[in-house]
Protein backbone atom coordinates (compact mmCIF):
# COMPACT_ATOMS: atom_id res chain seq x y z
CA MET A 1 -0.35 -47.36 3.98
CA ALA A 2 2.16 -46.02 1.46
CA THR A 3 -0.65 -44.91 -0.81
CA HIS A 4 -2.34 -43.21 2.10
CA ALA A 5 0.87 -41.37 3.01
CA VAL A 6 1.28 -40.13 -0.54
CA ALA A 7 -2.33 -38.90 -0.55
CA GLN A 8 -1.68 -36.95 2.61
CA THR A 9 1.21 -35.07 0.99
CA ARG A 10 -0.34 -34.53 -2.43
CA PRO A 11 0.59 -31.20 -4.13
CA SER A 12 -2.87 -29.70 -3.59
CA ASP A 13 -2.29 -29.79 0.18
CA SER A 14 0.67 -27.43 -0.18
CA ARG A 15 -1.66 -24.77 -1.60
CA VAL A 16 -3.83 -24.59 1.52
CA LEU A 17 -3.22 -21.58 3.77
CA LYS A 18 -1.93 -22.54 7.19
CA GLY A 19 -1.79 -20.57 10.44
CA ARG A 20 1.77 -19.49 9.75
CA ASP A 21 0.73 -18.20 6.32
CA LEU A 22 -2.05 -16.12 7.84
CA ILE A 23 0.39 -14.58 10.31
CA THR A 24 2.76 -13.71 7.46
CA ILE A 25 -0.08 -12.18 5.46
CA GLY A 26 -1.14 -10.16 8.49
CA ILE A 27 2.35 -8.78 9.06
CA PHE A 28 2.87 -7.66 5.48
CA THR A 29 -0.68 -6.32 5.27
CA ALA A 30 0.04 -4.11 8.28
CA ILE A 31 3.17 -2.75 6.58
CA TYR A 32 1.26 -2.22 3.35
CA PHE A 33 -1.51 -0.38 5.20
CA VAL A 34 0.91 1.98 6.96
CA ILE A 35 2.52 2.93 3.63
CA GLN A 36 -0.84 3.27 1.91
CA PHE A 37 -2.34 5.35 4.72
CA ALA A 38 0.66 7.70 4.65
CA THR A 39 0.14 8.36 0.93
CA MET A 40 -3.57 8.98 1.57
CA LEU A 41 -2.72 11.60 4.20
CA LEU A 42 -0.58 13.41 1.63
CA GLY A 43 -3.78 14.00 -0.33
CA GLY A 44 -4.73 16.66 2.19
CA LEU A 45 -1.79 18.78 1.08
CA HIS A 46 -2.87 19.13 -2.54
CA PRO A 47 -5.75 17.72 -4.63
CA ALA A 48 -3.37 16.28 -7.24
CA LEU A 49 -1.67 14.19 -4.54
CA TRP A 50 -5.03 12.70 -3.62
CA VAL A 51 -6.10 12.07 -7.22
CA PHE A 52 -2.81 10.32 -7.95
CA MET A 53 -2.62 8.63 -4.56
CA PRO A 54 -2.96 5.16 -6.18
CA VAL A 55 0.12 5.94 -8.29
CA LEU A 56 2.14 6.77 -5.17
CA ASP A 57 0.87 3.57 -3.56
CA GLY A 58 2.07 1.57 -6.52
CA LEU A 59 5.56 2.97 -6.28
CA LEU A 60 5.98 2.76 -2.52
CA ALA A 61 4.00 -0.28 -1.36
CA GLY A 62 5.43 -2.89 -3.70
CA ILE A 63 7.90 -4.20 -1.13
CA PRO A 64 5.41 -5.66 1.40
CA PHE A 65 3.17 -7.01 -1.38
CA MET A 66 5.97 -8.74 -3.27
CA LEU A 67 7.59 -10.11 -0.13
CA MET A 68 4.23 -11.57 0.90
CA CYS A 69 3.94 -13.19 -2.53
CA ALA A 70 7.42 -14.65 -2.09
CA LYS A 71 6.63 -16.11 1.32
CA VAL A 72 3.04 -17.20 0.68
CA GLN A 73 2.86 -18.85 -2.74
CA LYS A 74 -0.73 -19.95 -2.26
CA PRO A 75 -4.17 -18.80 -3.42
CA GLY A 76 -6.12 -16.41 -1.24
CA ALA A 77 -3.23 -14.36 0.12
CA VAL A 78 -3.95 -11.28 -1.99
CA VAL A 79 -7.69 -11.40 -1.30
CA ILE A 80 -7.03 -11.54 2.43
CA MET A 81 -4.62 -8.60 2.24
CA GLY A 82 -7.10 -6.50 0.28
CA LEU A 83 -10.05 -7.39 2.50
CA ILE A 84 -8.16 -6.52 5.68
CA VAL A 85 -7.23 -3.10 4.29
CA ALA A 86 -10.78 -2.53 3.05
CA LEU A 87 -12.27 -3.61 6.38
CA ILE A 88 -10.06 -1.19 8.34
CA TYR A 89 -11.08 1.72 6.15
CA PHE A 90 -14.73 0.71 6.14
CA VAL A 91 -14.89 0.47 9.95
CA THR A 92 -13.32 3.94 10.24
CA GLY A 93 -15.86 5.32 7.78
CA MET A 94 -13.30 6.11 5.08
CA PHE A 95 -14.47 3.58 2.50
CA THR A 96 -17.58 3.85 0.36
CA PRO A 97 -19.34 0.95 -1.41
CA LEU A 98 -17.66 2.09 -4.64
CA ILE A 99 -14.19 1.69 -3.14
CA LEU A 100 -15.11 -1.66 -1.61
CA GLY A 101 -16.32 -2.86 -5.01
CA MET A 102 -13.15 -1.70 -6.72
CA MET A 103 -10.98 -3.34 -4.07
CA ALA A 104 -12.88 -6.63 -4.27
CA GLY A 105 -12.66 -6.70 -8.06
CA ALA A 106 -8.96 -5.84 -8.04
CA CYS A 107 -8.22 -8.57 -5.48
CA VAL A 108 -10.05 -11.23 -7.49
CA LEU A 109 -8.28 -10.24 -10.70
CA ALA A 110 -4.90 -10.16 -8.96
CA GLU A 111 -5.54 -13.64 -7.54
CA ALA A 112 -6.45 -14.87 -11.02
CA VAL A 113 -3.18 -13.51 -12.40
CA ARG A 114 -1.21 -15.22 -9.65
CA ALA A 115 -3.05 -18.49 -10.29
CA LEU A 116 -2.23 -18.38 -13.99
CA ALA A 117 1.42 -17.87 -13.04
CA ARG A 118 1.16 -20.76 -10.56
CA TRP A 119 1.99 -18.31 -7.75
CA LYS A 120 5.62 -18.19 -8.87
CA GLY A 121 7.73 -16.04 -11.15
CA PHE A 122 8.41 -12.34 -10.85
CA ALA A 123 6.39 -11.34 -13.93
CA GLY A 124 3.17 -12.94 -12.70
CA ASN A 125 3.39 -11.46 -9.22
CA ALA A 126 4.41 -8.05 -10.57
CA LEU A 127 1.39 -8.05 -12.88
CA ALA A 128 -0.82 -9.11 -9.97
CA TYR A 129 0.48 -6.18 -7.94
CA ALA A 130 -0.18 -3.74 -10.79
CA VAL A 131 -3.77 -5.03 -11.00
CA PHE A 132 -4.13 -4.97 -7.21
CA GLY A 133 -3.37 -1.24 -7.28
CA PHE A 134 -6.62 -0.51 -9.11
CA GLY A 135 -8.46 -1.21 -5.86
CA MET A 136 -7.36 2.12 -4.39
CA CYS A 137 -8.44 3.94 -7.55
CA GLY A 138 -11.89 3.73 -6.01
CA SER A 139 -10.88 6.48 -3.57
CA PRO A 140 -10.61 9.38 -6.08
CA LEU A 141 -13.03 7.79 -8.58
CA PRO A 142 -16.13 9.55 -7.12
CA ILE A 143 -14.77 12.80 -8.58
CA TRP A 144 -15.83 11.46 -11.97
CA VAL A 145 -18.62 9.03 -11.09
CA PHE A 146 -20.51 11.28 -8.64
CA HIS A 147 -18.97 14.61 -9.54
CA ASP A 148 -21.65 17.11 -8.48
CA SER A 149 -22.74 15.39 -5.27
CA PHE A 150 -19.13 14.64 -4.32
CA MET A 151 -18.01 18.24 -4.80
CA ALA A 152 -20.96 19.45 -2.75
CA GLN A 153 -20.11 16.96 -0.01
CA ILE A 154 -16.46 17.92 0.42
CA SER A 155 -17.39 21.60 0.32
CA ALA A 156 -19.90 21.02 3.12
CA GLN A 157 -17.20 19.17 5.08
CA GLY A 158 -15.08 22.31 5.18
CA MET A 159 -12.63 21.92 2.31
CA SER A 160 -11.23 25.28 1.21
CA VAL A 161 -12.54 27.00 -1.90
CA GLU A 162 -9.09 26.76 -3.49
CA TYR A 163 -8.84 23.02 -2.83
CA CYS A 164 -12.32 22.38 -4.25
CA ALA A 165 -11.63 24.52 -7.32
CA THR A 166 -8.38 22.69 -8.06
CA LEU A 167 -10.05 19.32 -7.56
CA ASP A 168 -12.88 20.33 -9.86
CA ALA A 169 -10.35 21.30 -12.54
CA LEU A 170 -8.74 17.85 -12.24
CA ALA A 171 -12.04 16.08 -12.91
CA SER A 172 -11.38 15.59 -16.61
CA ALA A 173 -11.20 12.49 -18.81
CA PRO A 174 -7.44 12.87 -19.55
CA VAL A 175 -6.67 13.02 -15.81
CA LEU A 176 -8.79 9.91 -15.20
CA VAL A 177 -6.90 8.01 -17.92
CA ALA A 178 -3.59 9.27 -16.53
CA MET A 179 -4.53 8.14 -13.03
CA LEU A 180 -5.53 4.64 -14.15
CA ALA A 181 -2.59 4.16 -16.51
CA GLY A 182 -0.19 5.64 -13.97
CA THR A 183 -1.44 3.26 -11.30
CA PHE A 184 -0.71 0.24 -13.49
CA VAL A 185 2.74 1.44 -14.58
CA ALA A 186 3.63 2.47 -11.03
CA GLY A 187 2.64 -0.99 -9.82
CA LEU A 188 5.09 -2.60 -12.22
CA ALA A 189 7.76 -0.10 -11.19
CA GLY A 190 7.08 -0.73 -7.50
CA ALA A 191 7.45 -4.46 -8.02
CA ALA A 192 10.74 -3.88 -9.86
CA ILE A 193 12.00 -1.73 -6.97
CA ALA A 194 11.14 -4.52 -4.53
CA ARG A 195 12.97 -7.02 -6.74
CA VAL A 196 16.14 -4.90 -6.77
CA LEU A 197 16.10 -4.41 -3.01
CA PHE A 198 15.36 -8.05 -2.18
CA LYS A 199 16.80 -9.95 -5.14
CA LYS A 200 18.44 -12.63 -3.01
CA HIS A 201 15.22 -13.25 -1.12
CA PHE A 202 13.25 -13.58 -4.36
CA GLU A 203 15.83 -15.97 -5.77
CA LYS A 204 15.43 -18.27 -2.78
CA ALA A 205 11.65 -18.15 -3.18
CA GLY A 206 11.87 -18.94 -6.90
CA LEU A 207 10.38 -15.62 -8.02
CA VAL A 208 13.27 -14.64 -10.30
């Protein structure tokens, strides 16, 4: 009986997502989505804000991501967060297969980083968040991957000549590198901001 009781409470059991974990993930995913959607709306003001939208996400959305990591130190949490966000956008027609692919890849890599860090420690979760941010790079990426067809599409959708011209000028290799590098650095910075604001909470969770 004693052996059976020990088997029931083996460490691997503590890594299985429970109903309470899923609720926590859902709550912080909703907060993350609101912040992320707000930064996406800013892209309508100026093309540069849309191109560097993933950078803004990294800076502003670190709090819900890092708090979720603190509360749910189990595998699968990041994948669920990313898939929920992707599903919402896909259902509303705002996500393309390219963005879905980028999001899926970023989620898997972020989960791998968390696993290597054993789901604890600030550095591992901060790095996972920086990698997670690459998922939203799939939104402006068509400017480079499908440049001609994408420019024709947004022009047909009614974007102003000035907006299209500015966006076309931003479709250069240096801007692409800046967007990708900025997303990663902003992710680390966003995680650091979350740590400063919620240091006591992270200490209790063993993330610092």
